[in-house]
C-alpha atoms as a PDB file:
ATOM      1  CA  MET A   1      68.398  30.808-133.744  1.00  0.00           C
ATOM      2  CA  ASN A   2      68.839  34.583-133.379  1.00  0.00           C
ATOM      3  CA  ALA A   3      67.657  36.535-130.423  1.00  0.00           C
ATOM      4  CA  ARG A   4      64.650  38.060-132.206  1.00  0.00           C
ATOM      5  CA  MET A   5      63.453  34.523-133.296  1.00  0.00           C
ATOM      6  CA  ALA A   6      63.826  33.307-129.698  1.00  0.00           C
ATOM      7  CA  ARG A   7      61.478  36.074-128.487  1.00  0.00           C
ATOM      8  CA  VAL A   8      58.853  35.569-131.265  1.00  0.00           C
ATOM      9  CA  LEU A   9      58.504  31.803-131.040  1.00  0.00           C
ATOM     10  CA  PRO A  10      57.016  31.670-127.510  1.00  0.00           C
ATOM     11  CA  VAL A  11      54.613  34.489-128.329  1.00  0.00           C
ATOM     12  CA  LEU A  12      53.525  32.684-131.529  1.00  0.00           C
ATOM     13  CA  GLY A  13      53.162  29.429-129.683  1.00  0.00           C
ATOM     14  CA  ALA A  14      50.937  31.073-127.062  1.00  0.00           C
ATOM     15  CA  PHE A  15      48.829  32.705-129.659  1.00  0.00           C
ATOM     16  CA  VAL A  16      48.300  29.389-131.631  1.00  0.00           C
ATOM     17  CA  GLY A  17      47.500  27.593-128.304  1.00  0.00           C
ATOM     18  CA  GLY A  18      44.984  30.298-127.441  1.00  0.00           C
ATOM     19  CA  LEU A  19      43.316  29.953-130.863  1.00  0.00           C
ATOM     20  CA  ALA A  20      43.113  26.116-130.340  1.00  0.00           C
ATOM     21  CA  LEU A  21      41.477  26.592-126.919  1.00  0.00           C
ATOM     22  CA  CYS A  22      38.997  29.080-128.188  1.00  0.00           C
ATOM     23  CA  PHE A  23      38.052  26.899-131.105  1.00  0.00           C
ATOM     24  CA  GLY A  24      37.520  23.914-128.734  1.00  0.00           C
ATOM     25  CA  VAL A  25      35.228  25.940-126.447  1.00  0.00           C
ATOM     26  CA  ILE A  26      33.195  27.113-129.505  1.00  0.00           C
ATOM     27  CA  LEU A  27      32.826  23.567-130.651  1.00  0.00           C
ATOM     28  CA  LEU A  28      31.616  22.377-127.206  1.00  0.00           C
ATOM     29  CA  ILE A  29      29.113  25.254-126.831  1.00  0.00           C
ATOM     30  CA  SER A  30      27.742  24.768-130.282  1.00  0.00           C
ATOM     31  CA  GLY A  31      27.352  21.037-129.624  1.00  0.00           C
ATOM     32  CA  HIS A  32      29.821  19.822-132.209  1.00  0.00           C
ATOM     33  CA  GLY A  33      32.608  18.915-129.790  1.00  0.00           C
ATOM     34  CA  SER A  34      32.593  15.822-127.550  1.00  0.00           C
ATOM     35  CA  LEU A  35      33.564  15.109-124.069  1.00  0.00           C
ATOM     36  CA  PRO A  36      33.878  11.726-122.284  1.00  0.00           C
ATOM     37  CA  LEU A  37      30.427  10.516-121.323  1.00  0.00           C
ATOM     38  CA  ALA A  38      31.128  10.964-117.567  1.00  0.00           C
ATOM     39  CA  SER A  39      31.729  14.682-117.974  1.00  0.00           C
ATOM     40  CA  GLN A  40      28.910  15.300-120.492  1.00  0.00           C
ATOM     41  CA  ALA A  41      26.152  14.938-117.957  1.00  0.00           C
ATOM     42  CA  ALA A  42      26.144  14.344-114.192  1.00  0.00           C
ATOM     43  CA  GLU A  43      23.958  11.512-112.922  1.00  0.00           C
ATOM     44  CA  ILE A  44      20.684  13.300-112.435  1.00  0.00           C
ATOM     45  CA  GLY A  45      17.377  11.548-111.665  1.00  0.00           C
ATOM     46  CA  GLY A  46      16.786   8.211-110.070  1.00  0.00           C
ATOM     47  CA  PRO A  47      14.232   6.015-108.230  1.00  0.00           C
ATOM     48  CA  PHE A  48      11.497   7.683-106.133  1.00  0.00           C
ATOM     49  CA  HIS A  49       8.144   6.861-104.583  1.00  0.00           C
ATOM     50  CA  LEU A  50       5.707   9.702-104.168  1.00  0.00           C
ATOM     51  CA  THR A  51       2.002  10.521-104.383  1.00  0.00           C
ATOM     52  CA  ASP A  52       0.257  12.254-107.235  1.00  0.00           C
ATOM     53  CA  GLN A  53      -2.398  14.891-107.105  1.00  0.00           C
ATOM     54  CA  ASP A  54      -5.161  12.315-107.136  1.00  0.00           C
ATOM     55  CA  GLY A  55      -3.770  10.493-104.068  1.00  0.00           C
ATOM     56  CA  ARG A  56      -2.270   7.664-106.048  1.00  0.00           C
ATOM     57  CA  ALA A  57       1.168   6.152-105.497  1.00  0.00           C
ATOM     58  CA  VAL A  58       3.670   7.068-108.282  1.00  0.00           C
ATOM     59  CA  SER A  59       7.244   6.172-108.911  1.00  0.00           C
ATOM     60  CA  ASP A  60       9.910   7.078-111.483  1.00  0.00           C
ATOM     61  CA  LYS A  61       8.936   3.972-113.431  1.00  0.00           C
ATOM     62  CA  ASP A  62       5.557   5.542-114.156  1.00  0.00           C
ATOM     63  CA  LEU A  63       7.249   8.285-116.084  1.00  0.00           C
ATOM     64  CA  LYS A  64       9.443   6.141-118.268  1.00  0.00           C
ATOM     65  CA  GLY A  65       8.420   5.165-121.827  1.00  0.00           C
ATOM     66  CA  LYS A  66       8.257   8.703-123.081  1.00  0.00           C
ATOM     67  CA  PRO A  67      10.320  11.889-122.643  1.00  0.00           C
ATOM     68  CA  TYR A  68       9.301  13.957-119.705  1.00  0.00           C
ATOM     69  CA  LEU A  69       9.892  17.266-118.022  1.00  0.00           C
ATOM     70  CA  VAL A  70      10.472  17.631-114.295  1.00  0.00           C
ATOM     71  CA  PHE A  71      10.174  20.882-112.313  1.00  0.00           C
ATOM     72  CA  PHE A  72      10.564  21.389-108.524  1.00  0.00           C
ATOM     73  CA  GLY A  73       8.637  24.084-106.791  1.00  0.00           C
ATOM     74  CA  TYR A  74       5.686  24.699-104.433  1.00  0.00           C
ATOM     75  CA  THR A  75       2.126  26.006-104.654  1.00  0.00           C
ATOM     76  CA  HIS A  76       2.794  29.083-102.500  1.00  0.00           C
ATOM     77  CA  CYS A  77       5.607  30.253-104.817  1.00  0.00           C
ATOM     78  CA  PRO A  78       4.838  33.876-105.732  1.00  0.00           C
ATOM     79  CA  ASP A  79       6.401  34.074-109.228  1.00  0.00           C
ATOM     80  CA  VAL A  80       8.941  31.573-110.604  1.00  0.00           C
ATOM     81  CA  CYS A  81       6.764  28.472-110.183  1.00  0.00           C
ATOM     82  CA  PRO A  82       3.518  29.720-111.782  1.00  0.00           C
ATOM     83  CA  THR A  83       5.483  31.366-114.545  1.00  0.00           C
ATOM     84  CA  THR A  84       7.393  28.229-115.285  1.00  0.00           C
ATOM     85  CA  LEU A  85       4.308  26.006-115.178  1.00  0.00           C
ATOM     86  CA  PHE A  86       2.507  28.480-117.537  1.00  0.00           C
ATOM     87  CA  ASP A  87       5.478  28.259-120.005  1.00  0.00           C
ATOM     88  CA  VAL A  88       5.395  24.464-119.827  1.00  0.00           C
ATOM     89  CA  SER A  89       1.670  24.445-120.386  1.00  0.00           C
ATOM     90  CA  GLU A  90       2.212  26.628-123.514  1.00  0.00           C
ATOM     91  CA  VAL A  91       4.688  24.175-124.861  1.00  0.00           C
ATOM     92  CA  LEU A  92       2.271  21.248-124.145  1.00  0.00           C
ATOM     93  CA  ARG A  93      -0.616  23.084-125.833  1.00  0.00           C
ATOM     94  CA  ASP A  94       1.607  23.722-128.839  1.00  0.00           C
ATOM     95  CA  LEU A  95       2.250  20.003-129.079  1.00  0.00           C
ATOM     96  CA  GLY A  96      -1.390  19.385-129.702  1.00  0.00           C
ATOM     97  CA  PRO A  97      -2.263  15.640-129.704  1.00  0.00           C
ATOM     98  CA  ASP A  98       1.479  14.875-129.422  1.00  0.00           C
ATOM     99  CA  ALA A  99       1.324  16.208-125.747  1.00  0.00           C
ATOM    100  CA  ASP A 100       0.099  12.674-124.850  1.00  0.00           C
ATOM    101  CA  ARG A 101       3.544  11.467-125.912  1.00  0.00           C
ATOM    102  CA  VAL A 102       5.291  13.601-123.288  1.00  0.00           C
ATOM    103  CA  GLY A 103       5.198  13.537-119.468  1.00  0.00           C
ATOM    104  CA  ALA A 104       5.436  16.660-117.190  1.00  0.00           C
ATOM    105  CA  ALA A 105       5.897  16.482-113.457  1.00  0.00           C
ATOM    106  CA  PHE A 106       5.749  19.278-110.861  1.00  0.00           C
ATOM    107  CA  ILE A 107       7.352  17.950-107.649  1.00  0.00           C
ATOM    108  CA  THR A 108       6.857  20.017-104.495  1.00  0.00           C
ATOM    109  CA  VAL A 109       9.595  20.987-102.164  1.00  0.00           C
ATOM    110  CA  ASP A 110       7.035  22.045 -99.545  1.00  0.00           C
ATOM    111  CA  PRO A 111       5.329  18.769 -98.488  1.00  0.00           C
ATOM    112  CA  GLU A 112       4.152  20.397 -95.262  1.00  0.00           C
ATOM    113  CA  ARG A 113       1.647  22.537 -97.149  1.00  0.00           C
ATOM    114  CA  ASP A 114       1.420  20.822-100.515  1.00  0.00           C
ATOM    115  CA  THR A 115      -0.900  17.907-100.090  1.00  0.00           C
ATOM    116  CA  ALA A 116      -2.357  15.918-103.012  1.00  0.00           C
ATOM    117  CA  ALA A 117      -5.578  17.926-102.755  1.00  0.00           C
ATOM    118  CA  SER A 118      -3.824  21.343-102.801  1.00  0.00           C
ATOM    119  CA  LEU A 119      -1.573  20.179-105.792  1.00  0.00           C
ATOM    120  CA  LYS A 120      -4.741  19.129-107.655  1.00  0.00           C
ATOM    121  CA  ASP A 121      -6.371  22.535-107.032  1.00  0.00           C
ATOM    122  CA  TYR A 122      -3.232  24.464-107.990  1.00  0.00           C
ATOM    123  CA  LEU A 123      -2.650  22.505-111.196  1.00  0.00           C
ATOM    124  CA  SER A 124      -6.176  23.076-112.373  1.00  0.00           C
ATOM    125  CA  SER A 125      -4.960  26.465-113.660  1.00  0.00           C
ATOM    126  CA  PHE A 126      -2.412  24.769-116.044  1.00  0.00           C
ATOM    127  CA  ASP A 127      -2.314  22.208-118.772  1.00  0.00           C
ATOM    128  CA  PRO A 128      -4.000  18.936-117.726  1.00  0.00           C
ATOM    129  CA  HIS A 129      -0.975  16.972-118.777  1.00  0.00           C
ATOM    130  CA  LEU A 130       0.992  18.339-115.804  1.00  0.00           C
ATOM    131  CA  ARG A 131       1.069  15.995-112.882  1.00  0.00           C
ATOM    132  CA  GLY A 132       1.760  17.097-109.304  1.00  0.00           C
ATOM    133  CA  PHE A 133       3.825  14.893-106.908  1.00  0.00           C
ATOM    134  CA  THR A 134       4.130  15.193-103.146  1.00  0.00           C
ATOM    135  CA  GLY A 135       5.224  12.879-100.320  1.00  0.00           C
ATOM    136  CA  ASP A 136       6.578  12.859 -96.763  1.00  0.00           C
ATOM    137  CA  PRO A 137       9.641  15.009 -96.087  1.00  0.00           C
ATOM    138  CA  ASP A 138      11.996  11.942 -96.447  1.00  0.00           C
ATOM    139  CA  ALA A 139      10.675  11.060 -99.829  1.00  0.00           C
ATOM    140  CA  ILE A 140      10.923  14.675-101.050  1.00  0.00           C
ATOM    141  CA  LYS A 141      14.519  14.808 -99.755  1.00  0.00           C
ATOM    142  CA  THR A 142      15.328  11.596-101.649  1.00  0.00           C
ATOM    143  CA  VAL A 143      13.961  12.754-104.970  1.00  0.00           C
ATOM    144  CA  ALA A 144      15.490  16.206-104.602  1.00  0.00           C
ATOM    145  CA  LYS A 145      18.882  14.660-103.901  1.00  0.00           C
ATOM    146  CA  ALA A 146      18.513  12.418-106.973  1.00  0.00           C
ATOM    147  CA  TYR A 147      17.937  15.513-109.164  1.00  0.00           C
ATOM    148  CA  ARG A 148      20.512  17.584-107.354  1.00  0.00           C
ATOM    149  CA  VAL A 149      17.860  20.052-106.337  1.00  0.00           C
ATOM    150  CA  TYR A 150      18.581  22.569-103.595  1.00  0.00           C
ATOM    151  CA  TYR A 151      15.734  23.757-101.411  1.00  0.00           C
ATOM    152  CA  LYS A 152      15.457  25.507 -98.019  1.00  0.00           C
ATOM    153  CA  LYS A 153      12.694  26.886 -95.866  1.00  0.00           C
ATOM    154  CA  VAL A 154      12.974  30.728 -95.521  1.00  0.00           C
ATOM    155  CA  PRO A 155      11.065  32.239 -92.502  1.00  0.00           C
ATOM    156  CA  LEU A 156       8.935  35.299 -93.200  1.00  0.00           C
ATOM    157  CA  GLU A 157       7.377  37.848 -90.901  1.00  0.00           C
ATOM    158  CA  GLY A 158       4.191  36.777 -89.194  1.00  0.00           C
ATOM    159  CA  GLY A 159       5.345  33.119 -88.892  1.00  0.00           C
ATOM    160  CA  ASP A 160       4.913  32.296 -92.565  1.00  0.00           C
ATOM    161  CA  TYR A 161       7.604  30.977 -94.783  1.00  0.00           C
ATOM    162  CA  ALA A 162       8.796  30.672 -98.387  1.00  0.00           C
ATOM    163  CA  MET A 163      10.912  28.057-100.080  1.00  0.00           C
ATOM    164  CA  ASP A 164      14.240  28.871-101.712  1.00  0.00           C
ATOM    165  CA  HIS A 165      14.791  26.209-104.497  1.00  0.00           C
ATOM    166  CA  THR A 166      16.442  25.281-107.699  1.00  0.00           C
ATOM    167  CA  ALA A 167      14.387  26.499-110.629  1.00  0.00           C
ATOM    168  CA  ILE A 168      15.523  24.192-113.470  1.00  0.00           C
ATOM    169  CA  VAL A 169      13.233  22.299-115.809  1.00  0.00           C
ATOM    170  CA  TYR A 170      14.880  18.952-116.374  1.00  0.00           C
ATOM    171  CA  LEU A 171      14.402  17.191-119.731  1.00  0.00           C
ATOM    172  CA  MET A 172      14.526  13.378-119.262  1.00  0.00           C
ATOM    173  CA  ASP A 173      14.532  10.789-122.126  1.00  0.00           C
ATOM    174  CA  LYS A 174      12.232   7.745-122.471  1.00  0.00           C
ATOM    175  CA  ASP A 175      14.583   5.710-120.296  1.00  0.00           C
ATOM    176  CA  GLY A 176      14.597   8.293-117.455  1.00  0.00           C
ATOM    177  CA  HIS A 177      18.081   9.556-118.192  1.00  0.00           C
ATOM    178  CA  PHE A 178      18.855  13.264-117.911  1.00  0.00           C
ATOM    179  CA  VAL A 179      19.217  14.943-121.320  1.00  0.00           C
ATOM    180  CA  ALA A 180      19.664  18.671-120.430  1.00  0.00           C
ATOM    181  CA  PRO A 181      18.038  21.642-118.766  1.00  0.00           C
ATOM    182  CA  PHE A 182      14.945  22.420-120.922  1.00  0.00           C
ATOM    183  CA  ASN A 183      15.031  25.915-122.349  1.00  0.00           C
ATOM    184  CA  LEU A 184      11.733  27.813-121.915  1.00  0.00           C
ATOM    185  CA  LYS A 185      13.190  31.154-123.030  1.00  0.00           C
ATOM    186  CA  ARG A 186      12.096  30.625-126.598  1.00  0.00           C
ATOM    187  CA  LYS A 187       8.746  30.415-128.498  1.00  0.00           C
ATOM    188  CA  PRO A 188       6.504  27.551-127.464  1.00  0.00           C
ATOM    189  CA  ASP A 189       6.556  26.088-131.043  1.00  0.00           C
ATOM    190  CA  VAL A 190      10.327  26.043-131.063  1.00  0.00           C
ATOM    191  CA  ALA A 191      10.457  24.273-127.625  1.00  0.00           C
ATOM    192  CA  ALA A 192       7.756  21.853-128.739  1.00  0.00           C
ATOM    193  CA  ALA A 193       9.689  21.004-131.893  1.00  0.00           C
ATOM    194  CA  ASP A 194      12.762  20.244-129.660  1.00  0.00           C
ATOM    195  CA  LEU A 195      10.629  17.903-127.493  1.00  0.00           C
ATOM    196  CA  ARG A 196       9.540  16.004-130.571  1.00  0.00           C
ATOM    197  CA  HIS A 197      13.119  14.903-131.161  1.00  0.00           C
ATOM    198  CA  TYR A 198      12.855  12.638-128.103  1.00  0.00           C
ATOM    199  CA  PHE A 199       9.628  10.810-128.999  1.00  0.00           C
END
């Protein structure tokens, strides 16, 4: 092997390796590649016992049997929560009668203020398929941990406070297994068509 070839081969090898890596990333992003099951999706979701907006006991088992969306927030949220719930409502309305085949849960991260009654009043502005869940601080901590949700009280001037929190809409399948974050940055009919795949 001459000196020129000895210099060219490592460069060529690195180039081919880089191409292979890029191609693999493209396959994974496009959904055509595969990873071991353990790395495809972290364990998200799990058992919980809360109270719904009508004051009735509810658990994770009540949501199973149909795909469902889960969003964590609070009723005093100034922007992200109402916007997200409005977007979810638009998707549910676009489903028409099929909305009965999907569940949608809004779980508070502010149980101190979000009683069943306040959740019921708050959700009256959104699609009626949306259910609100609250509970004591330990119950909320348990369900937030199961969904890997971050939340923290942020003091405001005048003694009030806001809640910093994860703002992901979780798509769960009929068996209560996490599928993926549900994308609301698309037209409601497109998102509704996506949900129909999980009926």
